[in-house]
Amino acid sequence: LRVIFKLPEVLKHFEPVPKTWPTHHLAYVKWYKLSNRPGTNHNMYVVFKSAPLANGVVPGEIVPLTAIRQSCQLIPLTGPNISWPPTWKSHNVLDLSHCFLLNNWSSKFAYQTIW
């Protein structure tokens, strides 16, 4: 999830918006790729950033906010015996890391819906 927004009700110069515009809140999400199987040692799926399309745009979509059912915890994955770089902070780690573990152990609900 990158941003939650709502389209304006009035355009520039007080022109009405198209009647087909949604009136509810929307969310822009970036899509990740999910591994086929969970890891053998931790039973968590690995998710990878989607590769940019030929035009350089990262795959994403605008969806109704009501379509989002739960959040998830992503744990940056670097590899065995490799420390997280000191430049990774909570505000930028989703942009800097390319591979994550999808934590299905964060709550009972996450376990039931992810596993």
PDB file of N, CA and C in Angstrom:
ATOM      1  N   LEU A   1       0.852  -1.173   0.000  1.00  0.00           N
ATOM      2  CA  LEU A   1       0.000   0.000   0.000  1.00  0.00           C
ATOM      3  C   LEU A   1       0.894   1.232   0.000  1.00  0.00           C
ATOM      4  N   ARG A   2       0.710   2.081  -0.964  1.00  0.00           N
ATOM      5  CA  ARG A   2       1.550   3.278  -1.049  1.00  0.00           C
ATOM      6  C   ARG A   2       0.803   4.537  -0.624  1.00  0.00           C
ATOM      7  N   VAL A   3      -0.481   4.634  -0.969  1.00  0.00           N
ATOM      8  CA  VAL A   3      -1.230   5.845  -0.630  1.00  0.00           C
ATOM      9  C   VAL A   3      -2.729   5.541  -0.624  1.00  0.00           C
ATOM     10  N   ILE A   4      -3.451   6.223   0.267  1.00  0.00           N
ATOM     11  CA  ILE A   4      -4.917   6.181   0.307  1.00  0.00           C
ATOM     12  C   ILE A   4      -5.395   7.561  -0.111  1.00  0.00           C
ATOM     13  N   PHE A   5      -6.370   7.609  -1.001  1.00  0.00           N
ATOM     14  CA  PHE A   5      -6.830   8.904  -1.496  1.00  0.00           C
ATOM     15  C   PHE A   5      -8.292   8.830  -1.926  1.00  0.00           C
ATOM     16  N   LYS A   6      -8.851   9.980  -2.193  1.00  0.00           N
ATOM     17  CA  LYS A   6     -10.209  10.099  -2.701  1.00  0.00           C
ATOM     18  C   LYS A   6     -10.177  11.111  -3.836  1.00  0.00           C
ATOM     19  N   LEU A   7     -10.854  10.815  -4.915  1.00  0.00           N
ATOM     20  CA  LEU A   7     -10.887  11.746  -6.045  1.00  0.00           C
ATOM     21  C   LEU A   7     -11.694  12.983  -5.673  1.00  0.00           C
ATOM     22  N   PRO A   8     -11.337  14.134  -6.236  1.00  0.00           N
ATOM     23  CA  PRO A   8     -12.061  15.358  -5.885  1.00  0.00           C
ATOM     24  C   PRO A   8     -13.504  15.326  -6.392  1.00  0.00           C
ATOM     25  N   GLU A   9     -14.346  16.106  -5.734  1.00  0.00           N
ATOM     26  CA  GLU A   9     -15.749  16.192  -6.142  1.00  0.00           C
ATOM     27  C   GLU A   9     -15.966  17.300  -7.163  1.00  0.00           C
ATOM     28  N   VAL A  10     -15.021  18.236  -7.212  1.00  0.00           N
ATOM     29  CA  VAL A  10     -15.102  19.353  -8.144  1.00  0.00           C
ATOM     30  C   VAL A  10     -13.728  19.526  -8.775  1.00  0.00           C
ATOM     31  N   LEU A  11     -13.715  19.772 -10.085  1.00  0.00           N
ATOM     32  CA  LEU A  11     -12.459  19.990 -10.779  1.00  0.00           C
ATOM     33  C   LEU A  11     -12.108  21.473 -10.810  1.00  0.00           C
ATOM     34  N   LYS A  12     -10.996  21.761 -11.424  1.00  0.00           N
ATOM     35  CA  LYS A  12     -10.539  23.140 -11.591  1.00  0.00           C
ATOM     36  C   LYS A  12     -11.649  23.983 -12.231  1.00  0.00           C
ATOM     37  N   HIS A  13     -11.762  25.197 -11.814  1.00  0.00           N
ATOM     38  CA  HIS A  13     -12.772  26.130 -12.324  1.00  0.00           C
ATOM     39  C   HIS A  13     -14.194  25.645 -12.021  1.00  0.00           C
ATOM     40  N   PHE A  14     -14.353  24.850 -10.978  1.00  0.00           N
ATOM     41  CA  PHE A  14     -15.654  24.391 -10.480  1.00  0.00           C
ATOM     42  C   PHE A  14     -16.434  23.563 -11.501  1.00  0.00           C
ATOM     43  N   GLU A  15     -15.708  22.847 -12.346  1.00  0.00           N
ATOM     44  CA  GLU A  15     -16.355  21.948 -13.293  1.00  0.00           C
ATOM     45  C   GLU A  15     -16.721  20.656 -12.569  1.00  0.00           C
ATOM     46  N   PRO A  16     -17.868  20.078 -12.864  1.00  0.00           N
ATOM     47  CA  PRO A  16     -18.239  18.823 -12.205  1.00  0.00           C
ATOM     48  C   PRO A  16     -17.358  17.672 -12.688  1.00  0.00           C
ATOM     49  N   VAL A  17     -17.177  16.715 -11.829  1.00  0.00           N
ATOM     50  CA  VAL A  17     -16.383  15.533 -12.189  1.00  0.00           C
ATOM     51  C   VAL A  17     -17.244  14.589 -13.021  1.00  0.00           C
ATOM     52  N   PRO A  18     -16.615  13.698 -13.775  1.00  0.00           N
ATOM     53  CA  PRO A  18     -17.403  12.705 -14.528  1.00  0.00           C
ATOM     54  C   PRO A  18     -18.242  11.849 -13.579  1.00  0.00           C
ATOM     55  N   LYS A  19     -19.418  11.514 -13.989  1.00  0.00           N
ATOM     56  CA  LYS A  19     -20.324  10.723 -13.146  1.00  0.00           C
ATOM     57  C   LYS A  19     -19.798   9.309 -12.905  1.00  0.00           C
ATOM     58  N   THR A  20     -18.875   8.869 -13.737  1.00  0.00           N
ATOM     59  CA  THR A  20     -18.318   7.521 -13.583  1.00  0.00           C
ATOM     60  C   THR A  20     -17.214   7.449 -12.535  1.00  0.00           C
ATOM     61  N   TRP A  21     -16.756   8.596 -12.033  1.00  0.00           N
ATOM     62  CA  TRP A  21     -15.696   8.593 -11.025  1.00  0.00           C
ATOM     63  C   TRP A  21     -16.205   7.977  -9.727  1.00  0.00           C
ATOM     64  N   PRO A  22     -15.409   7.145  -9.088  1.00  0.00           N
ATOM     65  CA  PRO A  22     -15.825   6.593  -7.791  1.00  0.00           C
ATOM     66  C   PRO A  22     -15.872   7.694  -6.734  1.00  0.00           C
ATOM     67  N   THR A  23     -16.795   7.544  -5.793  1.00  0.00           N
ATOM     68  CA  THR A  23     -16.935   8.532  -4.720  1.00  0.00           C
ATOM     69  C   THR A  23     -16.333   8.037  -3.407  1.00  0.00           C
ATOM     70  N   HIS A  24     -15.881   6.791  -3.379  1.00  0.00           N
ATOM     71  CA  HIS A  24     -15.322   6.214  -2.159  1.00  0.00           C
ATOM     72  C   HIS A  24     -13.793   6.352  -2.153  1.00  0.00           C
ATOM     73  N   HIS A  25     -13.183   6.011  -1.024  1.00  0.00           N
ATOM     74  CA  HIS A  25     -11.726   6.084  -0.908  1.00  0.00           C
ATOM     75  C   HIS A  25     -11.079   4.980  -1.738  1.00  0.00           C
ATOM     76  N   LEU A  26      -9.909   5.313  -2.286  1.00  0.00           N
ATOM     77  CA  LEU A  26      -9.140   4.392  -3.112  1.00  0.00           C
ATOM     78  C   LEU A  26      -7.750   4.211  -2.516  1.00  0.00           C
ATOM     79  N   ALA A  27      -7.071   3.161  -2.940  1.00  0.00           N
ATOM     80  CA  ALA A  27      -5.704   2.908  -2.478  1.00  0.00           C
ATOM     81  C   ALA A  27      -4.855   2.517  -3.680  1.00  0.00           C
ATOM     82  N   TYR A  28      -3.613   3.012  -3.694  1.00  0.00           N
ATOM     83  CA  TYR A  28      -2.657   2.589  -4.719  1.00  0.00           C
ATOM     84  C   TYR A  28      -1.731   1.565  -4.076  1.00  0.00           C
ATOM     85  N   VAL A  29      -1.693   0.379  -4.655  1.00  0.00           N
ATOM     86  CA  VAL A  29      -0.842  -0.692  -4.138  1.00  0.00           C
ATOM     87  C   VAL A  29       0.159  -1.112  -5.201  1.00  0.00           C
ATOM     88  N   LYS A  30       1.360  -1.446  -4.760  1.00  0.00           N
ATOM     89  CA  LYS A  30       2.359  -2.035  -5.643  1.00  0.00           C
ATOM     90  C   LYS A  30       2.275  -3.547  -5.463  1.00  0.00           C
ATOM     91  N   TRP A  31       2.381  -4.270  -6.570  1.00  0.00           N
ATOM     92  CA  TRP A  31       2.278  -5.721  -6.511  1.00  0.00           C
ATOM     93  C   TRP A  31       3.648  -6.361  -6.320  1.00  0.00           C
ATOM     94  N   TYR A  32       3.657  -7.432  -5.540  1.00  0.00           N
ATOM     95  CA  TYR A  32       4.848  -8.243  -5.302  1.00  0.00           C
ATOM     96  C   TYR A  32       4.586  -9.642  -5.845  1.00  0.00           C
ATOM     97  N   LYS A  33       5.656 -10.391  -6.100  1.00  0.00           N
ATOM     98  CA  LYS A  33       5.529 -11.784  -6.529  1.00  0.00           C
ATOM     99  C   LYS A  33       5.733 -12.684  -5.322  1.00  0.00           C
ATOM    100  N   LEU A  34       4.920 -13.713  -5.212  1.00  0.00           N
ATOM    101  CA  LEU A  34       4.941 -14.640  -4.087  1.00  0.00           C
ATOM    102  C   LEU A  34       5.599 -15.947  -4.505  1.00  0.00           C
ATOM    103  N   SER A  35       6.454 -16.493  -3.621  1.00  0.00           N
ATOM    104  CA  SER A  35       7.079 -17.788  -3.909  1.00  0.00           C
ATOM    105  C   SER A  35       6.006 -18.880  -3.941  1.00  0.00           C
ATOM    106  N   ASN A  36       6.325 -19.978  -4.603  1.00  0.00           N
ATOM    107  CA  ASN A  36       5.363 -21.078  -4.747  1.00  0.00           C
ATOM    108  C   ASN A  36       5.126 -21.836  -3.455  1.00  0.00           C
ATOM    109  N   ARG A  37       6.162 -21.925  -2.630  1.00  0.00           N
ATOM    110  CA  ARG A  37       6.086 -22.698  -1.389  1.00  0.00           C
ATOM    111  C   ARG A  37       6.714 -21.918  -0.253  1.00  0.00           C
ATOM    112  N   PRO A  38       6.270 -22.176   0.976  1.00  0.00           N
ATOM    113  CA  PRO A  38       6.935 -21.534   2.112  1.00  0.00           C
ATOM    114  C   PRO A  38       8.310 -22.167   2.340  1.00  0.00           C
ATOM    115  N   GLY A  39       9.177 -21.425   3.047  1.00  0.00           N
ATOM    116  CA  GLY A  39      10.506 -21.936   3.368  1.00  0.00           C
ATOM    117  C   GLY A  39      10.441 -23.140   4.286  1.00  0.00           C
ATOM    118  N   THR A  40      11.370 -24.054   4.138  1.00  0.00           N
ATOM    119  CA  THR A  40      11.341 -25.286   4.921  1.00  0.00           C
ATOM    120  C   THR A  40      11.687 -25.057   6.386  1.00  0.00           C
ATOM    121  N   ASN A  41      12.495 -24.038   6.706  1.00  0.00           N
ATOM    122  CA  ASN A  41      12.911 -23.816   8.089  1.00  0.00           C
ATOM    123  C   ASN A  41      11.964 -22.916   8.873  1.00  0.00           C
ATOM    124  N   HIS A  42      11.280 -22.011   8.208  1.00  0.00           N
ATOM    125  CA  HIS A  42      10.463 -21.021   8.917  1.00  0.00           C
ATOM    126  C   HIS A  42       9.001 -21.012   8.494  1.00  0.00           C
ATOM    127  N   ASN A  43       8.654 -21.752   7.455  1.00  0.00           N
ATOM    128  CA  ASN A  43       7.279 -21.824   6.943  1.00  0.00           C
ATOM    129  C   ASN A  43       6.703 -20.468   6.554  1.00  0.00           C
ATOM    130  N   MET A  44       7.553 -19.540   6.130  1.00  0.00           N
ATOM    131  CA  MET A  44       7.090 -18.246   5.634  1.00  0.00           C
ATOM    132  C   MET A  44       7.349 -18.171   4.136  1.00  0.00           C
ATOM    133  N   TYR A  45       6.412 -17.577   3.425  1.00  0.00           N
ATOM    134  CA  TYR A  45       6.588 -17.367   1.992  1.00  0.00           C
ATOM    135  C   TYR A  45       7.576 -16.223   1.754  1.00  0.00           C
ATOM    136  N   VAL A  46       8.274 -16.285   0.651  1.00  0.00           N
ATOM    137  CA  VAL A  46       9.165 -15.208   0.239  1.00  0.00           C
ATOM    138  C   VAL A  46       8.418 -14.386  -0.808  1.00  0.00           C
ATOM    139  N   VAL A  47       8.467 -13.065  -0.668  1.00  0.00           N
ATOM    140  CA  VAL A  47       7.877 -12.180  -1.676  1.00  0.00           C
ATOM    141  C   VAL A  47       8.994 -11.332  -2.276  1.00  0.00           C
ATOM    142  N   PHE A  48       8.871 -11.089  -3.562  1.00  0.00           N
ATOM    143  CA  PHE A  48       9.868 -10.325  -4.308  1.00  0.00           C
ATOM    144  C   PHE A  48       9.198  -9.118  -4.935  1.00  0.00           C
ATOM    145  N   LYS A  49       9.940  -8.039  -5.060  1.00  0.00           N
ATOM    146  CA  LYS A  49       9.432  -6.890  -5.802  1.00  0.00           C
ATOM    147  C   LYS A  49       9.207  -7.309  -7.243  1.00  0.00           C
ATOM    148  N   SER A  50       8.120  -6.812  -7.818  1.00  0.00           N
ATOM    149  CA  SER A  50       7.877  -7.067  -9.240  1.00  0.00           C
ATOM    150  C   SER A  50       8.849  -6.237 -10.063  1.00  0.00           C
ATOM    151  N   ALA A  51       9.332  -6.816 -11.141  1.00  0.00           N
ATOM    152  CA  ALA A  51      10.252  -6.097 -12.030  1.00  0.00           C
ATOM    153  C   ALA A  51       9.490  -5.002 -12.766  1.00  0.00           C
ATOM    154  N   PRO A  52      10.125  -3.873 -12.991  1.00  0.00           N
ATOM    155  CA  PRO A  52       9.465  -2.813 -13.767  1.00  0.00           C
ATOM    156  C   PRO A  52       9.104  -3.303 -15.171  1.00  0.00           C
ATOM    157  N   LEU A  53       8.028  -2.757 -15.696  1.00  0.00           N
ATOM    158  CA  LEU A  53       7.610  -3.076 -17.054  1.00  0.00           C
ATOM    159  C   LEU A  53       8.582  -2.438 -18.049  1.00  0.00           C
ATOM    160  N   ALA A  54       8.401  -2.700 -19.319  1.00  0.00           N
ATOM    161  CA  ALA A  54       9.297  -2.162 -20.346  1.00  0.00           C
ATOM    162  C   ALA A  54       9.354  -0.640 -20.323  1.00  0.00           C
ATOM    163  N   ASN A  55       8.271   0.009 -19.896  1.00  0.00           N
ATOM    164  CA  ASN A  55       8.236   1.473 -19.836  1.00  0.00           C
ATOM    165  C   ASN A  55       8.786   2.024 -18.525  1.00  0.00           C
ATOM    166  N   GLY A  56       9.298   1.138 -17.651  1.00  0.00           N
ATOM    167  CA  GLY A  56       9.895   1.568 -16.391  1.00  0.00           C
ATOM    168  C   GLY A  56       8.934   1.671 -15.231  1.00  0.00           C
ATOM    169  N   VAL A  57       7.654   1.450 -15.466  1.00  0.00           N
ATOM    170  CA  VAL A  57       6.642   1.558 -14.414  1.00  0.00           C
ATOM    171  C   VAL A  57       6.601   0.253 -13.613  1.00  0.00           C
ATOM    172  N   VAL A  58       6.579   0.365 -12.291  1.00  0.00           N
ATOM    173  CA  VAL A  58       6.464  -0.805 -11.424  1.00  0.00           C
ATOM    174  C   VAL A  58       4.997  -1.227 -11.380  1.00  0.00           C
ATOM    175  N   PRO A  59       4.705  -2.541 -11.546  1.00  0.00           N
ATOM    176  CA  PRO A  59       3.310  -2.978 -11.541  1.00  0.00           C
ATOM    177  C   PRO A  59       2.595  -2.587 -10.251  1.00  0.00           C
ATOM    178  N   GLY A  60       1.456  -1.962 -10.416  1.00  0.00           N
ATOM    179  CA  GLY A  60       0.629  -1.539  -9.301  1.00  0.00           C
ATOM    180  C   GLY A  60      -0.791  -1.352  -9.787  1.00  0.00           C
ATOM    181  N   GLU A  61      -1.666  -1.016  -8.863  1.00  0.00           N
ATOM    182  CA  GLU A  61      -3.068  -0.879  -9.233  1.00  0.00           C
ATOM    183  C   GLU A  61      -3.775   0.018  -8.224  1.00  0.00           C
ATOM    184  N   ILE A  62      -4.795   0.697  -8.704  1.00  0.00           N
ATOM    185  CA  ILE A  62      -5.667   1.471  -7.828  1.00  0.00           C
ATOM    186  C   ILE A  62      -6.879   0.597  -7.537  1.00  0.00           C
ATOM    187  N   VAL A  63      -7.136   0.369  -6.251  1.00  0.00           N
ATOM    188  CA  VAL A  63      -8.237  -0.503  -5.830  1.00  0.00           C
ATOM    189  C   VAL A  63      -9.103   0.236  -4.812  1.00  0.00           C
ATOM    190  N   PRO A  64     -10.368  -0.162  -4.682  1.00  0.00           N
ATOM    191  CA  PRO A  64     -11.184   0.418  -3.607  1.00  0.00           C
ATOM    192  C   PRO A  64     -10.562   0.068  -2.249  1.00  0.00           C
ATOM    193  N   LEU A  65     -10.553   1.010  -1.349  1.00  0.00           N
ATOM    194  CA  LEU A  65      -9.980   0.760  -0.024  1.00  0.00           C
ATOM    195  C   LEU A  65     -10.689  -0.400   0.663  1.00  0.00           C
ATOM    196  N   THR A  66     -11.972  -0.574   0.384  1.00  0.00           N
ATOM    197  CA  THR A  66     -12.739  -1.663   0.999  1.00  0.00           C
ATOM    198  C   THR A  66     -12.280  -3.038   0.520  1.00  0.00           C
ATOM    199  N   ALA A  67     -11.476  -3.106  -0.559  1.00  0.00           N
ATOM    200  CA  ALA A  67     -10.975  -4.385  -1.050  1.00  0.00           C
ATOM    201  C   ALA A  67      -9.792  -4.889  -0.230  1.00  0.00           C
ATOM    202  N   ILE A  68      -9.222  -4.042   0.604  1.00  0.00           N
ATOM    203  CA  ILE A  68      -8.080  -4.433   1.434  1.00  0.00           C
ATOM    204  C   ILE A  68      -8.614  -5.012   2.742  1.00  0.00           C
ATOM    205  N   ARG A  69      -8.272  -6.242   3.016  1.00  0.00           N
ATOM    206  CA  ARG A  69      -8.818  -6.954   4.183  1.00  0.00           C
ATOM    207  C   ARG A  69      -7.898  -6.943   5.398  1.00  0.00           C
ATOM    208  N   GLN A  70      -6.593  -6.891   5.182  1.00  0.00           N
ATOM    209  CA  GLN A  70      -5.668  -6.921   6.311  1.00  0.00           C
ATOM    210  C   GLN A  70      -4.306  -6.418   5.873  1.00  0.00           C
ATOM    211  N   SER A  71      -3.528  -6.024   6.832  1.00  0.00           N
ATOM    212  CA  SER A  71      -2.141  -5.663   6.555  1.00  0.00           C
ATOM    213  C   SER A  71      -1.290  -6.920   6.714  1.00  0.00           C
ATOM    214  N   CYS A  72      -0.039  -6.825   6.347  1.00  0.00           N
ATOM    215  CA  CYS A  72       0.869  -7.943   6.554  1.00  0.00           C
ATOM    216  C   CYS A  72       2.225  -7.394   6.967  1.00  0.00           C
ATOM    217  N   GLN A  73       3.007  -8.238   7.595  1.00  0.00           N
ATOM    218  CA  GLN A  73       4.346  -7.845   8.018  1.00  0.00           C
ATOM    219  C   GLN A  73       5.350  -8.462   7.058  1.00  0.00           C
ATOM    220  N   LEU A  74       6.173  -7.609   6.459  1.00  0.00           N
ATOM    221  CA  LEU A  74       7.242  -8.055   5.585  1.00  0.00           C
ATOM    222  C   LEU A  74       8.570  -7.885   6.308  1.00  0.00           C
ATOM    223  N   ILE A  75       9.368  -8.943   6.323  1.00  0.00           N
ATOM    224  CA  ILE A  75      10.674  -8.924   6.976  1.00  0.00           C
ATOM    225  C   ILE A  75      11.735  -8.919   5.884  1.00  0.00           C
ATOM    226  N   PRO A  76      12.568  -7.884   5.820  1.00  0.00           N
ATOM    227  CA  PRO A  76      13.609  -7.858   4.780  1.00  0.00           C
ATOM    228  C   PRO A  76      14.486  -9.109   4.855  1.00  0.00           C
ATOM    229  N   LEU A  77      14.770  -9.671   3.709  1.00  0.00           N
ATOM    230  CA  LEU A  77      15.552 -10.904   3.631  1.00  0.00           C
ATOM    231  C   LEU A  77      16.859 -10.603   2.903  1.00  0.00           C
ATOM    232  N   THR A  78      17.963 -10.853   3.574  1.00  0.00           N
ATOM    233  CA  THR A  78      19.266 -10.580   2.968  1.00  0.00           C
ATOM    234  C   THR A  78      20.042 -11.852   2.647  1.00  0.00           C
ATOM    235  N   GLY A  79      19.848 -12.880   3.410  1.00  0.00           N
ATOM    236  CA  GLY A  79      20.604 -14.116   3.221  1.00  0.00           C
ATOM    237  C   GLY A  79      21.287 -14.505   4.516  1.00  0.00           C
ATOM    238  N   PRO A  80      21.816 -15.720   4.569  1.00  0.00           N
ATOM    239  CA  PRO A  80      22.451 -16.187   5.797  1.00  0.00           C
ATOM    240  C   PRO A  80      23.704 -15.383   6.140  1.00  0.00           C
ATOM    241  N   ASN A  81      23.829 -15.046   7.398  1.00  0.00           N
ATOM    242  CA  ASN A  81      25.011 -14.350   7.938  1.00  0.00           C
ATOM    243  C   ASN A  81      25.289 -12.997   7.279  1.00  0.00           C
ATOM    244  N   ILE A  82      24.261 -12.374   6.734  1.00  0.00           N
ATOM    245  CA  ILE A  82      24.416 -11.043   6.144  1.00  0.00           C
ATOM    246  C   ILE A  82      23.581 -10.068   6.956  1.00  0.00           C
ATOM    247  N   SER A  83      24.198  -9.025   7.457  1.00  0.00           N
ATOM    248  CA  SER A  83      23.497  -8.021   8.260  1.00  0.00           C
ATOM    249  C   SER A  83      22.704  -7.088   7.361  1.00  0.00           C
ATOM    250  N   TRP A  84      21.661  -6.508   7.920  1.00  0.00           N
ATOM    251  CA  TRP A  84      20.923  -5.479   7.193  1.00  0.00           C
ATOM    252  C   TRP A  84      21.820  -4.265   7.041  1.00  0.00           C
ATOM    253  N   PRO A  85      21.833  -3.658   5.881  1.00  0.00           N
ATOM    254  CA  PRO A  85      22.641  -2.443   5.695  1.00  0.00           C
ATOM    255  C   PRO A  85      22.182  -1.327   6.638  1.00  0.00           C
ATOM    256  N   PRO A  86      23.089  -0.517   7.145  1.00  0.00           N
ATOM    257  CA  PRO A  86      22.707   0.554   8.073  1.00  0.00           C
ATOM    258  C   PRO A  86      21.831   1.627   7.427  1.00  0.00           C
ATOM    259  N   THR A  87      21.784   1.658   6.114  1.00  0.00           N
ATOM    260  CA  THR A  87      20.940   2.648   5.435  1.00  0.00           C
ATOM    261  C   THR A  87      19.471   2.248   5.442  1.00  0.00           C
ATOM    262  N   TRP A  88      19.160   0.995   5.771  1.00  0.00           N
ATOM    263  CA  TRP A  88      17.771   0.548   5.810  1.00  0.00           C
ATOM    264  C   TRP A  88      17.114   1.075   7.076  1.00  0.00           C
ATOM    265  N   LYS A  89      16.108   1.893   6.892  1.00  0.00           N
ATOM    266  CA  LYS A  89      15.320   2.453   7.993  1.00  0.00           C
ATOM    267  C   LYS A  89      13.853   2.121   7.742  1.00  0.00           C
ATOM    268  N   SER A  90      13.016   2.302   8.746  1.00  0.00           N
ATOM    269  CA  SER A  90      11.600   1.954   8.593  1.00  0.00           C
ATOM    270  C   SER A  90      10.925   2.732   7.471  1.00  0.00           C
ATOM    271  N   HIS A  91      11.400   3.923   7.185  1.00  0.00           N
ATOM    272  CA  HIS A  91      10.759   4.741   6.147  1.00  0.00           C
ATOM    273  C   HIS A  91      11.251   4.425   4.727  1.00  0.00           C
ATOM    274  N   ASN A  92      12.315   3.611   4.582  1.00  0.00           N
ATOM    275  CA  ASN A  92      12.821   3.371   3.237  1.00  0.00           C
ATOM    276  C   ASN A  92      13.115   1.904   2.911  1.00  0.00           C
ATOM    277  N   VAL A  93      12.962   1.005   3.864  1.00  0.00           N
ATOM    278  CA  VAL A  93      13.369  -0.383   3.642  1.00  0.00           C
ATOM    279  C   VAL A  93      12.539  -1.056   2.549  1.00  0.00           C
ATOM    280  N   LEU A  94      11.275  -0.690   2.393  1.00  0.00           N
ATOM    281  CA  LEU A  94      10.470  -1.289   1.321  1.00  0.00           C
ATOM    282  C   LEU A  94      10.960  -0.860  -0.058  1.00  0.00           C
ATOM    283  N   ASP A  95      11.597   0.289  -0.133  1.00  0.00           N
ATOM    284  CA  ASP A  95      12.159   0.754  -1.399  1.00  0.00           C
ATOM    285  C   ASP A  95      13.547   0.174  -1.656  1.00  0.00           C
ATOM    286  N   LEU A  96      14.314  -0.103  -0.607  1.00  0.00           N
ATOM    287  CA  LEU A  96      15.704  -0.526  -0.767  1.00  0.00           C
ATOM    288  C   LEU A  96      15.892  -2.041  -0.846  1.00  0.00           C
ATOM    289  N   SER A  97      15.076  -2.793  -0.152  1.00  0.00           N
ATOM    290  CA  SER A  97      15.196  -4.244  -0.184  1.00  0.00           C
ATOM    291  C   SER A  97      14.372  -4.791  -1.355  1.00  0.00           C
ATOM    292  N   HIS A  98      14.788  -5.908  -1.896  1.00  0.00           N
ATOM    293  CA  HIS A  98      14.087  -6.497  -3.041  1.00  0.00           C
ATOM    294  C   HIS A  98      13.412  -7.816  -2.699  1.00  0.00           C
ATOM    295  N   CYS A  99      13.673  -8.321  -1.503  1.00  0.00           N
ATOM    296  CA  CYS A  99      13.189  -9.645  -1.129  1.00  0.00           C
ATOM    297  C   CYS A  99      12.759  -9.611   0.337  1.00  0.00           C
ATOM    298  N   PHE A 100      11.616 -10.221   0.650  1.00  0.00           N
ATOM    299  CA  PHE A 100      11.066 -10.182   2.007  1.00  0.00           C
ATOM    300  C   PHE A 100      10.473 -11.529   2.388  1.00  0.00           C
ATOM    301  N   LEU A 101      10.411 -11.776   3.686  1.00  0.00           N
ATOM    302  CA  LEU A 101       9.632 -12.895   4.203  1.00  0.00           C
ATOM    303  C   LEU A 101       8.256 -12.362   4.578  1.00  0.00           C
ATOM    304  N   LEU A 102       7.210 -13.079   4.202  1.00  0.00           N
ATOM    305  CA  LEU A 102       5.841 -12.722   4.556  1.00  0.00           C
ATOM    306  C   LEU A 102       5.526 -13.417   5.876  1.00  0.00           C
ATOM    307  N   ASN A 103       5.449 -12.645   6.958  1.00  0.00           N
ATOM    308  CA  ASN A 103       5.331 -13.209   8.299  1.00  0.00           C
ATOM    309  C   ASN A 103       3.910 -13.679   8.580  1.00  0.00           C
ATOM    310  N   ASN A 104       3.698 -14.971   8.444  1.00  0.00           N
ATOM    311  CA  ASN A 104       2.394 -15.540   8.766  1.00  0.00           C
ATOM    312  C   ASN A 104       2.272 -15.869  10.256  1.00  0.00           C
ATOM    313  N   TRP A 105       3.303 -15.601  11.036  1.00  0.00           N
ATOM    314  CA  TRP A 105       3.270 -15.861  12.476  1.00  0.00           C
ATOM    315  C   TRP A 105       2.941 -14.605  13.281  1.00  0.00           C
ATOM    316  N   SER A 106       2.684 -13.471  12.635  1.00  0.00           N
ATOM    317  CA  SER A 106       2.480 -12.207  13.352  1.00  0.00           C
ATOM    318  C   SER A 106       1.179 -12.166  14.142  1.00  0.00           C
ATOM    319  N   SER A 107       0.175 -12.944  13.740  1.00  0.00           N
ATOM    320  CA  SER A 107      -1.084 -13.013  14.486  1.00  0.00           C
ATOM    321  C   SER A 107      -1.816 -14.292  14.089  1.00  0.00           C
ATOM    322  N   LYS A 108      -2.805 -14.671  14.877  1.00  0.00           N
ATOM    323  CA  LYS A 108      -3.593 -15.857  14.529  1.00  0.00           C
ATOM    324  C   LYS A 108      -4.323 -15.653  13.209  1.00  0.00           C
ATOM    325  N   PHE A 109      -4.827 -14.439  12.999  1.00  0.00           N
ATOM    326  CA  PHE A 109      -5.555 -14.149  11.763  1.00  0.00           C
ATOM    327  C   PHE A 109      -4.613 -14.261  10.553  1.00  0.00           C
ATOM    328  N   ALA A 110      -3.406 -13.707  10.674  1.00  0.00           N
ATOM    329  CA  ALA A 110      -2.436 -13.817   9.572  1.00  0.00           C
ATOM    330  C   ALA A 110      -2.106 -15.273   9.305  1.00  0.00           C
ATOM    331  N   TYR A 111      -1.925 -16.048  10.339  1.00  0.00           N
ATOM    332  CA  TYR A 111      -1.609 -17.474  10.157  1.00  0.00           C
ATOM    333  C   TYR A 111      -2.736 -18.184   9.413  1.00  0.00           C
ATOM    334  N   GLN A 112      -3.969 -17.898   9.798  1.00  0.00           N
ATOM    335  CA  GLN A 112      -5.115 -18.562   9.195  1.00  0.00           C
ATOM    336  C   GLN A 112      -5.333 -18.131   7.745  1.00  0.00           C
ATOM    337  N   THR A 113      -5.028 -16.903   7.408  1.00  0.00           N
ATOM    338  CA  THR A 113      -5.308 -16.425   6.053  1.00  0.00           C
ATOM    339  C   THR A 113      -4.126 -16.584   5.103  1.00  0.00           C
ATOM    340  N   ILE A 114      -2.911 -16.573   5.614  1.00  0.00           N
ATOM    341  CA  ILE A 114      -1.736 -16.691   4.750  1.00  0.00           C
ATOM    342  C   ILE A 114      -1.318 -18.138   4.607  1.00  0.00           C
ATOM    343  N   TRP A 115      -1.320 -18.868   5.698  1.00  0.00           N
ATOM    344  CA  TRP A 115      -0.846 -20.237   5.673  1.00  0.00           C
ATOM    345  C   TRP A 115      -1.937 -21.106   5.105  1.00  0.00           C
TER     346      TRP A 115
END
